[in-house]
Every structure is written in C-alpha cells, then in structure tokens.
Amino acid sequence: MNHETDLLLAVRQLVDTHFSRLRRTVRKNLSRLTCAFLQLALSVRFGYGGLHLTSIARVLPEGKR
C-alpha cells in the first residue's frame, strides 16, 4: 500500500473509534477531509497564504465509486 492509503486507513480507524456516534457517511467524509488537510499541511503550497477549495479537492483521497 502507499502512503496515502495508509494515512486514510489510520485516520478512518481513529475517527471510527472516537466518533462512533456519528453516521458512517459522516465519519467517512470526516476521514477524507482530515486526510486532505494533512496532505496539504505536508505540501509546499500550504505556506503560500491561501487555502482554496480546489486545492482541497485535488488532494482528497479517491473513493471506490
């Protein structure tokens, strides 16, 4: 597996453990957004002063559908 998949699995497991009262779809979206923000925080472009929806969408983990 690659780094992105490992990160998504780890974040999803943490979110499922600590936010078990939320619906599954909400937990899944929260996991994906958390991974996207972590990916942006590790990138060079994060320090340029602006956070845009297009940059978040670019780093979102891909779903199965």
PDB file of N, CA and C in Angstrom:
ATOM      1  N   MET A   1       0.840  -1.190   0.000  1.00  0.00           N
ATOM      2  CA  MET A   1       0.000   0.000   0.000  1.00  0.00           C
ATOM      3  C   MET A   1       0.879   1.246   0.000  1.00  0.00           C
ATOM      4  N   ASN A   2       0.324   2.328  -0.464  1.00  0.00           N
ATOM      5  CA  ASN A   2       1.098   3.564  -0.490  1.00  0.00           C
ATOM      6  C   ASN A   2       0.802   4.420   0.739  1.00  0.00           C
ATOM      7  N   HIS A   3       1.493   5.511   0.832  1.00  0.00           N
ATOM      8  CA  HIS A   3       1.400   6.390   1.999  1.00  0.00           C
ATOM      9  C   HIS A   3      -0.001   6.963   2.178  1.00  0.00           C
ATOM     10  N   GLU A   4      -0.636   7.361   1.088  1.00  0.00           N
ATOM     11  CA  GLU A   4      -1.973   7.959   1.170  1.00  0.00           C
ATOM     12  C   GLU A   4      -3.002   6.955   1.683  1.00  0.00           C
ATOM     13  N   THR A   5      -2.915   5.720   1.210  1.00  0.00           N
ATOM     14  CA  THR A   5      -3.856   4.689   1.645  1.00  0.00           C
ATOM     15  C   THR A   5      -3.644   4.365   3.114  1.00  0.00           C
ATOM     16  N   ASP A   6      -2.386   4.282   3.538  1.00  0.00           N
ATOM     17  CA  ASP A   6      -2.083   4.015   4.946  1.00  0.00           C
ATOM     18  C   ASP A   6      -2.606   5.134   5.837  1.00  0.00           C
ATOM     19  N   LEU A   7      -2.426   6.372   5.387  1.00  0.00           N
ATOM     20  CA  LEU A   7      -2.914   7.521   6.149  1.00  0.00           C
ATOM     21  C   LEU A   7      -4.431   7.488   6.268  1.00  0.00           C
ATOM     22  N   LEU A   8      -5.098   7.207   5.154  1.00  0.00           N
ATOM     23  CA  LEU A   8      -6.559   7.165   5.172  1.00  0.00           C
ATOM     24  C   LEU A   8      -7.067   6.071   6.103  1.00  0.00           C
ATOM     25  N   LEU A   9      -6.465   4.910   6.055  1.00  0.00           N
ATOM     26  CA  LEU A   9      -6.889   3.813   6.935  1.00  0.00           C
ATOM     27  C   LEU A   9      -6.670   4.163   8.405  1.00  0.00           C
ATOM     28  N   ALA A  10      -5.544   4.783   8.719  1.00  0.00           N
ATOM     29  CA  ALA A  10      -5.261   5.158  10.104  1.00  0.00           C
ATOM     30  C   ALA A  10      -6.232   6.222  10.607  1.00  0.00           C
ATOM     31  N   VAL A  11      -6.482   7.228   9.777  1.00  0.00           N
ATOM     32  CA  VAL A  11      -7.409   8.292  10.178  1.00  0.00           C
ATOM     33  C   VAL A  11      -8.828   7.747  10.296  1.00  0.00           C
ATOM     34  N   ARG A  12      -9.216   6.887   9.369  1.00  0.00           N
ATOM     35  CA  ARG A  12     -10.564   6.316   9.420  1.00  0.00           C
ATOM     36  C   ARG A  12     -10.754   5.477  10.682  1.00  0.00           C
ATOM     37  N   GLN A  13      -9.726   4.732  11.065  1.00  0.00           N
ATOM     38  CA  GLN A  13      -9.814   3.925  12.275  1.00  0.00           C
ATOM     39  C   GLN A  13      -9.935   4.819  13.512  1.00  0.00           C
ATOM     40  N   LEU A  14      -9.172   5.897  13.558  1.00  0.00           N
ATOM     41  CA  LEU A  14      -9.268   6.829  14.687  1.00  0.00           C
ATOM     42  C   LEU A  14     -10.634   7.507  14.753  1.00  0.00           C
ATOM     43  N   VAL A  15     -11.134   7.934  13.606  1.00  0.00           N
ATOM     44  CA  VAL A  15     -12.436   8.598  13.574  1.00  0.00           C
ATOM     45  C   VAL A  15     -13.540   7.613  13.976  1.00  0.00           C
ATOM     46  N   ASP A  16     -13.467   6.387  13.487  1.00  0.00           N
ATOM     47  CA  ASP A  16     -14.467   5.376  13.860  1.00  0.00           C
ATOM     48  C   ASP A  16     -14.436   5.089  15.355  1.00  0.00           C
ATOM     49  N   THR A  17     -13.243   5.088  15.929  1.00  0.00           N
ATOM     50  CA  THR A  17     -13.108   4.807  17.360  1.00  0.00           C
ATOM     51  C   THR A  17     -13.636   5.945  18.219  1.00  0.00           C
ATOM     52  N   HIS A  18     -13.285   7.166  17.870  1.00  0.00           N
ATOM     53  CA  HIS A  18     -13.604   8.308  18.733  1.00  0.00           C
ATOM     54  C   HIS A  18     -14.925   8.999  18.399  1.00  0.00           C
ATOM     55  N   PHE A  19     -15.455   8.770  17.217  1.00  0.00           N
ATOM     56  CA  PHE A  19     -16.713   9.403  16.818  1.00  0.00           C
ATOM     57  C   PHE A  19     -17.731   8.362  16.379  1.00  0.00           C
ATOM     58  N   SER A  20     -17.852   7.300  17.149  1.00  0.00           N
ATOM     59  CA  SER A  20     -18.714   6.187  16.767  1.00  0.00           C
ATOM     60  C   SER A  20     -20.203   6.551  16.746  1.00  0.00           C
ATOM     61  N   ARG A  21     -20.577   7.627  17.373  1.00  0.00           N
ATOM     62  CA  ARG A  21     -21.995   8.019  17.400  1.00  0.00           C
ATOM     63  C   ARG A  21     -22.434   8.700  16.111  1.00  0.00           C
ATOM     64  N   LEU A  22     -21.481   9.158  15.313  1.00  0.00           N
ATOM     65  CA  LEU A  22     -21.825   9.782  14.031  1.00  0.00           C
ATOM     66  C   LEU A  22     -22.201   8.711  13.016  1.00  0.00           C
ATOM     67  N   ARG A  23     -23.000   9.117  12.050  1.00  0.00           N
ATOM     68  CA  ARG A  23     -23.350   8.177  10.981  1.00  0.00           C
ATOM     69  C   ARG A  23     -22.104   7.795  10.196  1.00  0.00           C
ATOM     70  N   ARG A  24     -22.153   6.628   9.574  1.00  0.00           N
ATOM     71  CA  ARG A  24     -20.998   6.104   8.838  1.00  0.00           C
ATOM     72  C   ARG A  24     -20.571   7.050   7.716  1.00  0.00           C
ATOM     73  N   THR A  25     -21.542   7.628   7.010  1.00  0.00           N
ATOM     74  CA  THR A  25     -21.198   8.527   5.911  1.00  0.00           C
ATOM     75  C   THR A  25     -20.507   9.789   6.417  1.00  0.00           C
ATOM     76  N   VAL A  26     -20.920  10.289   7.566  1.00  0.00           N
ATOM     77  CA  VAL A  26     -20.305  11.479   8.146  1.00  0.00           C
ATOM     78  C   VAL A  26     -18.880  11.157   8.589  1.00  0.00           C
ATOM     79  N   ARG A  27     -18.694   9.984   9.211  1.00  0.00           N
ATOM     80  CA  ARG A  27     -17.355   9.571   9.629  1.00  0.00           C
ATOM     81  C   ARG A  27     -16.439   9.400   8.424  1.00  0.00           C
ATOM     82  N   LYS A  28     -16.967   8.858   7.333  1.00  0.00           N
ATOM     83  CA  LYS A  28     -16.160   8.654   6.129  1.00  0.00           C
ATOM     84  C   LYS A  28     -15.728  10.001   5.540  1.00  0.00           C
ATOM     85  N   ASN A  29     -16.656  10.946   5.448  1.00  0.00           N
ATOM     86  CA  ASN A  29     -16.324  12.272   4.916  1.00  0.00           C
ATOM     87  C   ASN A  29     -15.353  13.015   5.830  1.00  0.00           C
ATOM     88  N   LEU A  30     -15.528  12.876   7.130  1.00  0.00           N
ATOM     89  CA  LEU A  30     -14.614  13.500   8.079  1.00  0.00           C
ATOM     90  C   LEU A  30     -13.209  12.931   7.921  1.00  0.00           C
ATOM     91  N   SER A  31     -13.106  11.637   7.715  1.00  0.00           N
ATOM     92  CA  SER A  31     -11.806  10.994   7.498  1.00  0.00           C
ATOM     93  C   SER A  31     -11.149  11.506   6.223  1.00  0.00           C
ATOM     94  N   ARG A  32     -11.914  11.600   5.158  1.00  0.00           N
ATOM     95  CA  ARG A  32     -11.366  12.055   3.885  1.00  0.00           C
ATOM     96  C   ARG A  32     -10.896  13.507   3.973  1.00  0.00           C
ATOM     97  N   LEU A  33     -11.688  14.362   4.617  1.00  0.00           N
ATOM     98  CA  LEU A  33     -11.298  15.765   4.745  1.00  0.00           C
ATOM     99  C   LEU A  33     -10.076  15.932   5.645  1.00  0.00           C
ATOM    100  N   THR A  34     -10.011  15.148   6.712  1.00  0.00           N
ATOM    101  CA  THR A  34      -8.850  15.198   7.594  1.00  0.00           C
ATOM    102  C   THR A  34      -7.594  14.804   6.839  1.00  0.00           C
ATOM    103  N   CYS A  35      -7.683  13.755   6.034  1.00  0.00           N
ATOM    104  CA  CYS A  35      -6.533  13.328   5.225  1.00  0.00           C
ATOM    105  C   CYS A  35      -6.140  14.407   4.219  1.00  0.00           C
ATOM    106  N   ALA A  36      -7.121  15.053   3.626  1.00  0.00           N
ATOM    107  CA  ALA A  36      -6.831  16.119   2.663  1.00  0.00           C
ATOM    108  C   ALA A  36      -6.093  17.277   3.335  1.00  0.00           C
ATOM    109  N   PHE A  37      -6.532  17.683   4.526  1.00  0.00           N
ATOM    110  CA  PHE A  37      -5.853  18.766   5.228  1.00  0.00           C
ATOM    111  C   PHE A  37      -4.448  18.357   5.659  1.00  0.00           C
ATOM    112  N   LEU A  38      -4.280  17.106   6.070  1.00  0.00           N
ATOM    113  CA  LEU A  38      -2.942  16.631   6.427  1.00  0.00           C
ATOM    114  C   LEU A  38      -2.029  16.608   5.213  1.00  0.00           C
ATOM    115  N   GLN A  39      -2.549  16.181   4.067  1.00  0.00           N
ATOM    116  CA  GLN A  39      -1.747  16.178   2.840  1.00  0.00           C
ATOM    117  C   GLN A  39      -1.334  17.602   2.462  1.00  0.00           C
ATOM    118  N   LEU A  40      -2.266  18.544   2.616  1.00  0.00           N
ATOM    119  CA  LEU A  40      -1.938  19.943   2.306  1.00  0.00           C
ATOM    120  C   LEU A  40      -0.924  20.508   3.283  1.00  0.00           C
ATOM    121  N   ALA A  41      -1.030  20.136   4.552  1.00  0.00           N
ATOM    122  CA  ALA A  41      -0.096  20.643   5.551  1.00  0.00           C
ATOM    123  C   ALA A  41       1.323  20.147   5.279  1.00  0.00           C
ATOM    124  N   LEU A  42       1.445  18.986   4.660  1.00  0.00           N
ATOM    125  CA  LEU A  42       2.760  18.441   4.339  1.00  0.00           C
ATOM    126  C   LEU A  42       3.317  18.982   3.029  1.00  0.00           C
ATOM    127  N   SER A  43       2.486  19.625   2.242  1.00  0.00           N
ATOM    128  CA  SER A  43       2.932  20.091   0.937  1.00  0.00           C
ATOM    129  C   SER A  43       3.572  21.474   1.030  1.00  0.00           C
ATOM    130  N   VAL A  44       4.256  21.845  -0.016  1.00  0.00           N
ATOM    131  CA  VAL A  44       4.936  23.133  -0.073  1.00  0.00           C
ATOM    132  C   VAL A  44       3.926  24.260  -0.232  1.00  0.00           C
ATOM    133  N   ARG A  45       2.865  24.027  -0.945  1.00  0.00           N
ATOM    134  CA  ARG A  45       1.901  25.090  -1.258  1.00  0.00           C
ATOM    135  C   ARG A  45       1.085  25.552  -0.062  1.00  0.00           C
ATOM    136  N   PHE A  46       1.097  24.798   1.025  1.00  0.00           N
ATOM    137  CA  PHE A  46       0.296  25.163   2.195  1.00  0.00           C
ATOM    138  C   PHE A  46       0.752  26.489   2.792  1.00  0.00           C
ATOM    139  N   GLY A  47       2.022  26.825   2.683  1.00  0.00           N
ATOM    140  CA  GLY A  47       2.547  28.031   3.292  1.00  0.00           C
ATOM    141  C   GLY A  47       2.387  29.286   2.457  1.00  0.00           C
ATOM    142  N   TYR A  48       1.714  29.214   1.322  1.00  0.00           N
ATOM    143  CA  TYR A  48       1.593  30.382   0.449  1.00  0.00           C
ATOM    144  C   TYR A  48       0.487  31.342   0.850  1.00  0.00           C
ATOM    145  N   GLY A  49      -0.215  31.070   1.948  1.00  0.00           N
ATOM    146  CA  GLY A  49      -1.147  32.042   2.480  1.00  0.00           C
ATOM    147  C   GLY A  49      -2.610  31.831   2.174  1.00  0.00           C
ATOM    148  N   GLY A  50      -2.972  30.985   1.246  1.00  0.00           N
ATOM    149  CA  GLY A  50      -4.380  30.799   0.932  1.00  0.00           C
ATOM    150  C   GLY A  50      -4.761  29.338   0.881  1.00  0.00           C
ATOM    151  N   LEU A  51      -5.956  29.047   1.318  1.00  0.00           N
ATOM    152  CA  LEU A  51      -6.475  27.688   1.257  1.00  0.00           C
ATOM    153  C   LEU A  51      -7.735  27.734   0.398  1.00  0.00           C
ATOM    154  N   HIS A  52      -7.695  27.084  -0.739  1.00  0.00           N
ATOM    155  CA  HIS A  52      -8.798  27.126  -1.681  1.00  0.00           C
ATOM    156  C   HIS A  52      -9.461  25.762  -1.783  1.00  0.00           C
ATOM    157  N   LEU A  53     -10.737  25.772  -2.134  1.00  0.00           N
ATOM    158  CA  LEU A  53     -11.459  24.507  -2.280  1.00  0.00           C
ATOM    159  C   LEU A  53     -10.852  23.627  -3.365  1.00  0.00           C
ATOM    160  N   THR A  54     -10.304  24.241  -4.390  1.00  0.00           N
ATOM    161  CA  THR A  54      -9.693  23.444  -5.459  1.00  0.00           C
ATOM    162  C   THR A  54      -8.460  22.701  -4.958  1.00  0.00           C
ATOM    163  N   SER A  55      -7.696  23.319  -4.066  1.00  0.00           N
ATOM    164  CA  SER A  55      -6.529  22.619  -3.535  1.00  0.00           C
ATOM    165  C   SER A  55      -6.938  21.482  -2.615  1.00  0.00           C
ATOM    166  N   ILE A  56      -8.025  21.659  -1.874  1.00  0.00           N
ATOM    167  CA  ILE A  56      -8.539  20.571  -1.035  1.00  0.00           C
ATOM    168  C   ILE A  56      -9.050  19.442  -1.913  1.00  0.00           C
ATOM    169  N   ALA A  57      -9.796  19.776  -2.940  1.00  0.00           N
ATOM    170  CA  ALA A  57     -10.355  18.746  -3.827  1.00  0.00           C
ATOM    171  C   ALA A  57      -9.261  17.972  -4.545  1.00  0.00           C
ATOM    172  N   ARG A  58      -8.149  18.623  -4.831  1.00  0.00           N
ATOM    173  CA  ARG A  58      -7.045  17.977  -5.538  1.00  0.00           C
ATOM    174  C   ARG A  58      -6.393  16.884  -4.700  1.00  0.00           C
ATOM    175  N   VAL A  59      -6.390  17.019  -3.379  1.00  0.00           N
ATOM    176  CA  VAL A  59      -5.710  16.051  -2.528  1.00  0.00           C
ATOM    177  C   VAL A  59      -6.650  15.091  -1.803  1.00  0.00           C
ATOM    178  N   LEU A  60      -7.951  15.198  -2.066  1.00  0.00           N
ATOM    179  CA  LEU A  60      -8.887  14.272  -1.433  1.00  0.00           C
ATOM    180  C   LEU A  60      -8.580  12.831  -1.853  1.00  0.00           C
ATOM    181  N   PRO A  61      -8.596  11.902  -0.892  1.00  0.00           N
ATOM    182  CA  PRO A  61      -8.407  10.501  -1.255  1.00  0.00           C
ATOM    183  C   PRO A  61      -9.541  10.030  -2.151  1.00  0.00           C
ATOM    184  N   GLU A  62      -9.212   9.228  -3.133  1.00  0.00           N
ATOM    185  CA  GLU A  62     -10.216   8.749  -4.060  1.00  0.00           C
ATOM    186  C   GLU A  62     -11.113   7.707  -3.401  1.00  0.00           C
ATOM    187  N   GLY A  63     -12.390   7.751  -3.725  1.00  0.00           N
ATOM    188  CA  GLY A  63     -13.325   6.761  -3.237  1.00  0.00           C
ATOM    189  C   GLY A  63     -13.398   5.591  -4.186  1.00  0.00           C
ATOM    190  N   LYS A  64     -14.153   4.582  -3.809  1.00  0.00           N
ATOM    191  CA  LYS A  64     -14.295   3.401  -4.669  1.00  0.00           C
ATOM    192  C   LYS A  64     -15.277   3.641  -5.794  1.00  0.00           C
ATOM    193  N   ARG A  65     -16.168   4.600  -5.612  1.00  0.00           N
ATOM    194  CA  ARG A  65     -17.164   4.879  -6.654  1.00  0.00           C
ATOM    195  C   ARG A  65     -16.905   6.213  -7.295  1.00  0.00           C
TER     196      ARG A  65
END
